[in-house]
Amino acid sequence: MKKQVTARHFDLTPEMKAKAEESMEGLTRFFDHIVSAEMVLDAERHRRVAELKVNVFNSLIAGRGETDDMYTAIDVAVDKVKTQLKKYKGKLKDRKPEEVADVKASLARPKTDVDEVDM
């Protein structure tokens, strides 16, 4: 996954960049096939805004967090995108549930036959 963090109107600290990249990397727990993630951090007077755009196979998922603390804004934006990724993944599974069920069954099936094992 390609990750990009951009800061507007303030200097980005290494700790803040690490927090943003770590949060974006955590999104792969909810959906494996993320192509890229871009986070834009913006500061205006007392407002701190974090915008996260995640590019998946055929759509763009976006979340925005706006608080008075940048770390909290990052968490809010990531939580919104997590919710949308879960919904997107559910929609993909609903399209062809028979195929998903077949794959799950083949993965859960043991590799060896019980009758063939010598004791």
C-alpha atoms as a PDB file:
ATOM      1  CA  MET A   1       0.000   0.000   0.000  1.00  0.00           C
ATOM      2  CA  LYS A   2       1.291   3.419  -0.940  1.00  0.00           C
ATOM      3  CA  LYS A   3       1.029   5.942   1.927  1.00  0.00           C
ATOM      4  CA  GLN A   4       1.351   9.712   1.732  1.00  0.00           C
ATOM      5  CA  VAL A   5       1.081  12.294   4.528  1.00  0.00           C
ATOM      6  CA  THR A   6       0.840  16.017   3.713  1.00  0.00           C
ATOM      7  CA  ALA A   7       0.779  18.972   6.118  1.00  0.00           C
ATOM      8  CA  ARG A   8      -0.783  22.348   5.360  1.00  0.00           C
ATOM      9  CA  HIS A   9      -0.121  25.553   7.286  1.00  0.00           C
ATOM     10  CA  PHE A  10       2.117  23.940   9.924  1.00  0.00           C
ATOM     11  CA  ASP A  11       5.325  21.937  10.263  1.00  0.00           C
ATOM     12  CA  LEU A  12       4.821  18.187  10.391  1.00  0.00           C
ATOM     13  CA  THR A  13       6.695  16.531  13.252  1.00  0.00           C
ATOM     14  CA  PRO A  14       8.194  13.042  12.817  1.00  0.00           C
ATOM     15  CA  GLU A  15       6.000  11.737  15.677  1.00  0.00           C
ATOM     16  CA  MET A  16       2.835  13.013  14.004  1.00  0.00           C
ATOM     17  CA  LYS A  17       3.864  11.538  10.652  1.00  0.00           C
ATOM     18  CA  ALA A  18       4.611   8.184  12.317  1.00  0.00           C
ATOM     19  CA  LYS A  19       1.195   8.235  14.036  1.00  0.00           C
ATOM     20  CA  ALA A  20      -0.564   8.972  10.738  1.00  0.00           C
ATOM     21  CA  GLU A  21       1.316   6.232   8.842  1.00  0.00           C
ATOM     22  CA  GLU A  22       0.729   3.710  11.634  1.00  0.00           C
ATOM     23  CA  SER A  23      -2.991   4.489  11.612  1.00  0.00           C
ATOM     24  CA  MET A  24      -3.155   4.080   7.837  1.00  0.00           C
ATOM     25  CA  GLU A  25      -1.271   0.761   8.041  1.00  0.00           C
ATOM     26  CA  GLY A  26      -3.858  -0.476  10.567  1.00  0.00           C
ATOM     27  CA  LEU A  27      -6.583  -0.173   7.934  1.00  0.00           C
ATOM     28  CA  THR A  28      -5.304  -3.348   6.254  1.00  0.00           C
ATOM     29  CA  ARG A  29      -6.848  -5.298   9.158  1.00  0.00           C
ATOM     30  CA  PHE A  30     -10.269  -4.377   7.822  1.00  0.00           C
ATOM     31  CA  PHE A  31      -9.611  -4.652   4.069  1.00  0.00           C
ATOM     32  CA  ASP A  32      -6.537  -6.245   2.483  1.00  0.00           C
ATOM     33  CA  HIS A  33      -6.692  -4.810  -1.027  1.00  0.00           C
ATOM     34  CA  ILE A  34      -6.016  -1.122  -0.380  1.00  0.00           C
ATOM     35  CA  VAL A  35      -4.107   0.448  -3.261  1.00  0.00           C
ATOM     36  CA  SER A  36      -3.122   3.752  -1.643  1.00  0.00           C
ATOM     37  CA  ALA A  37      -3.894   5.997   1.302  1.00  0.00           C
ATOM     38  CA  GLU A  38      -3.401   9.758   1.458  1.00  0.00           C
ATOM     39  CA  MET A  39      -3.770  11.870   4.593  1.00  0.00           C
ATOM     40  CA  VAL A  40      -3.865  15.661   4.522  1.00  0.00           C
ATOM     41  CA  LEU A  41      -3.367  17.410   7.874  1.00  0.00           C
ATOM     42  CA  ASP A  42      -4.460  21.052   8.080  1.00  0.00           C
ATOM     43  CA  ALA A  43      -4.226  23.660  10.852  1.00  0.00           C
ATOM     44  CA  GLU A  44      -6.302  26.861  10.906  1.00  0.00           C
ATOM     45  CA  ARG A  45      -6.334  28.968  14.076  1.00  0.00           C
ATOM     46  CA  HIS A  46      -7.863  26.637  16.696  1.00  0.00           C
ATOM     47  CA  ARG A  47      -9.125  24.017  14.199  1.00  0.00           C
ATOM     48  CA  ARG A  48      -7.177  20.875  13.343  1.00  0.00           C
ATOM     49  CA  VAL A  49      -8.419  18.885  10.349  1.00  0.00           C
ATOM     50  CA  ALA A  50      -7.342  15.458   9.125  1.00  0.00           C
ATOM     51  CA  GLU A  51      -8.660  14.210   5.790  1.00  0.00           C
ATOM     52  CA  LEU A  52      -8.015  10.602   4.798  1.00  0.00           C
ATOM     53  CA  LYS A  53      -8.611   9.274   1.287  1.00  0.00           C
ATOM     54  CA  VAL A  54      -8.246   5.543   0.661  1.00  0.00           C
ATOM     55  CA  ASN A  55      -8.190   4.152  -2.858  1.00  0.00           C
ATOM     56  CA  VAL A  56      -9.528   0.599  -3.111  1.00  0.00           C
ATOM     57  CA  PHE A  57     -10.123  -1.503  -6.215  1.00  0.00           C
ATOM     58  CA  ASN A  58     -12.823   0.548  -7.908  1.00  0.00           C
ATOM     59  CA  SER A  59     -13.779   3.299  -5.495  1.00  0.00           C
ATOM     60  CA  LEU A  60     -12.444   6.057  -3.261  1.00  0.00           C
ATOM     61  CA  ILE A  61     -13.296   6.074   0.437  1.00  0.00           C
ATOM     62  CA  ALA A  62     -12.853   9.321   2.374  1.00  0.00           C
ATOM     63  CA  GLY A  63     -13.101  10.370   6.005  1.00  0.00           C
ATOM     64  CA  ARG A  64     -12.636  13.710   7.729  1.00  0.00           C
ATOM     65  CA  GLY A  65     -11.897  14.473  11.366  1.00  0.00           C
ATOM     66  CA  GLU A  66     -12.091  17.978  12.782  1.00  0.00           C
ATOM     67  CA  THR A  67     -11.146  18.707  16.406  1.00  0.00           C
ATOM     68  CA  ASP A  68      -8.872  21.004  18.404  1.00  0.00           C
ATOM     69  CA  ASP A  69      -6.098  18.345  18.632  1.00  0.00           C
ATOM     70  CA  MET A  70      -4.354  16.901  15.564  1.00  0.00           C
ATOM     71  CA  TYR A  71      -3.870  13.411  17.034  1.00  0.00           C
ATOM     72  CA  THR A  72      -7.572  13.184  17.862  1.00  0.00           C
ATOM     73  CA  ALA A  73      -8.481  14.430  14.380  1.00  0.00           C
ATOM     74  CA  ILE A  74      -6.338  11.643  12.870  1.00  0.00           C
ATOM     75  CA  ASP A  75      -8.125   9.043  15.004  1.00  0.00           C
ATOM     76  CA  VAL A  76     -11.577  10.378  14.049  1.00  0.00           C
ATOM     77  CA  ALA A  77     -10.763  10.320  10.317  1.00  0.00           C
ATOM     78  CA  VAL A  78      -9.350   6.774  10.530  1.00  0.00           C
ATOM     79  CA  ASP A  79     -12.399   5.540  12.471  1.00  0.00           C
ATOM     80  CA  LYS A  80     -14.737   6.908   9.805  1.00  0.00           C
ATOM     81  CA  VAL A  81     -12.757   5.188   7.050  1.00  0.00           C
ATOM     82  CA  LYS A  82     -12.710   1.910   9.037  1.00  0.00           C
ATOM     83  CA  THR A  83     -16.507   1.954   9.188  1.00  0.00           C
ATOM     84  CA  GLN A  84     -16.758   2.570   5.451  1.00  0.00           C
ATOM     85  CA  LEU A  85     -14.222  -0.189   4.665  1.00  0.00           C
ATOM     86  CA  LYS A  86     -16.237  -2.694   6.708  1.00  0.00           C
ATOM     87  CA  LYS A  87     -19.378  -1.719   4.798  1.00  0.00           C
ATOM     88  CA  TYR A  88     -17.559  -1.949   1.443  1.00  0.00           C
ATOM     89  CA  LYS A  89     -16.179  -5.386   2.310  1.00  0.00           C
ATOM     90  CA  GLY A  90     -19.665  -6.561   3.293  1.00  0.00           C
ATOM     91  CA  LYS A  91     -21.070  -5.390  -0.025  1.00  0.00           C
ATOM     92  CA  LEU A  92     -18.386  -7.326  -1.904  1.00  0.00           C
ATOM     93  CA  LYS A  93     -19.258 -10.494   0.015  1.00  0.00           C
ATOM     94  CA  ASP A  94     -22.972 -10.042  -0.672  1.00  0.00           C
ATOM     95  CA  ARG A  95     -22.441  -9.997  -4.414  1.00  0.00           C
ATOM     96  CA  LYS A  96     -21.432 -13.657  -4.720  1.00  0.00           C
ATOM     97  CA  PRO A  97     -22.084 -15.373  -1.379  1.00  0.00           C
ATOM     98  CA  GLU A  98     -21.949 -18.880  -2.921  1.00  0.00           C
ATOM     99  CA  GLU A  99     -18.368 -18.386  -4.081  1.00  0.00           C
ATOM    100  CA  VAL A 100     -17.319 -17.022  -0.699  1.00  0.00           C
ATOM    101  CA  ALA A 101     -18.953 -19.993   1.038  1.00  0.00           C
ATOM    102  CA  ASP A 102     -17.161 -22.457  -1.284  1.00  0.00           C
ATOM    103  CA  VAL A 103     -13.778 -20.867  -0.626  1.00  0.00           C
ATOM    104  CA  LYS A 104     -14.371 -20.876   3.136  1.00  0.00           C
ATOM    105  CA  ALA A 105     -15.390 -24.541   3.020  1.00  0.00           C
ATOM    106  CA  SER A 106     -12.309 -25.537   1.028  1.00  0.00           C
ATOM    107  CA  LEU A 107     -10.027 -23.691   3.440  1.00  0.00           C
ATOM    108  CA  ALA A 108     -11.665 -25.233   6.514  1.00  0.00           C
ATOM    109  CA  ARG A 109     -11.533 -28.766   5.121  1.00  0.00           C
ATOM    110  CA  PRO A 110      -8.614 -30.891   6.414  1.00  0.00           C
ATOM    111  CA  LYS A 111      -5.857 -31.700   3.937  1.00  0.00           C
ATOM    112  CA  THR A 112      -5.633 -35.413   4.760  1.00  0.00           C
ATOM    113  CA  ASP A 113      -8.283 -38.088   4.702  1.00  0.00           C
ATOM    114  CA  VAL A 114      -8.915 -39.776   8.054  1.00  0.00           C
ATOM    115  CA  ASP A 115      -9.282 -43.211   6.421  1.00  0.00           C
ATOM    116  CA  GLU A 116      -5.843 -43.020   4.815  1.00  0.00           C
ATOM    117  CA  VAL A 117      -3.933 -42.386   8.054  1.00  0.00           C
ATOM    118  CA  ASP A 118      -2.220 -45.489   9.494  1.00  0.00           C
ATOM    119  CA  MET A 119      -2.014 -45.866  13.229  1.00  0.00           C
END
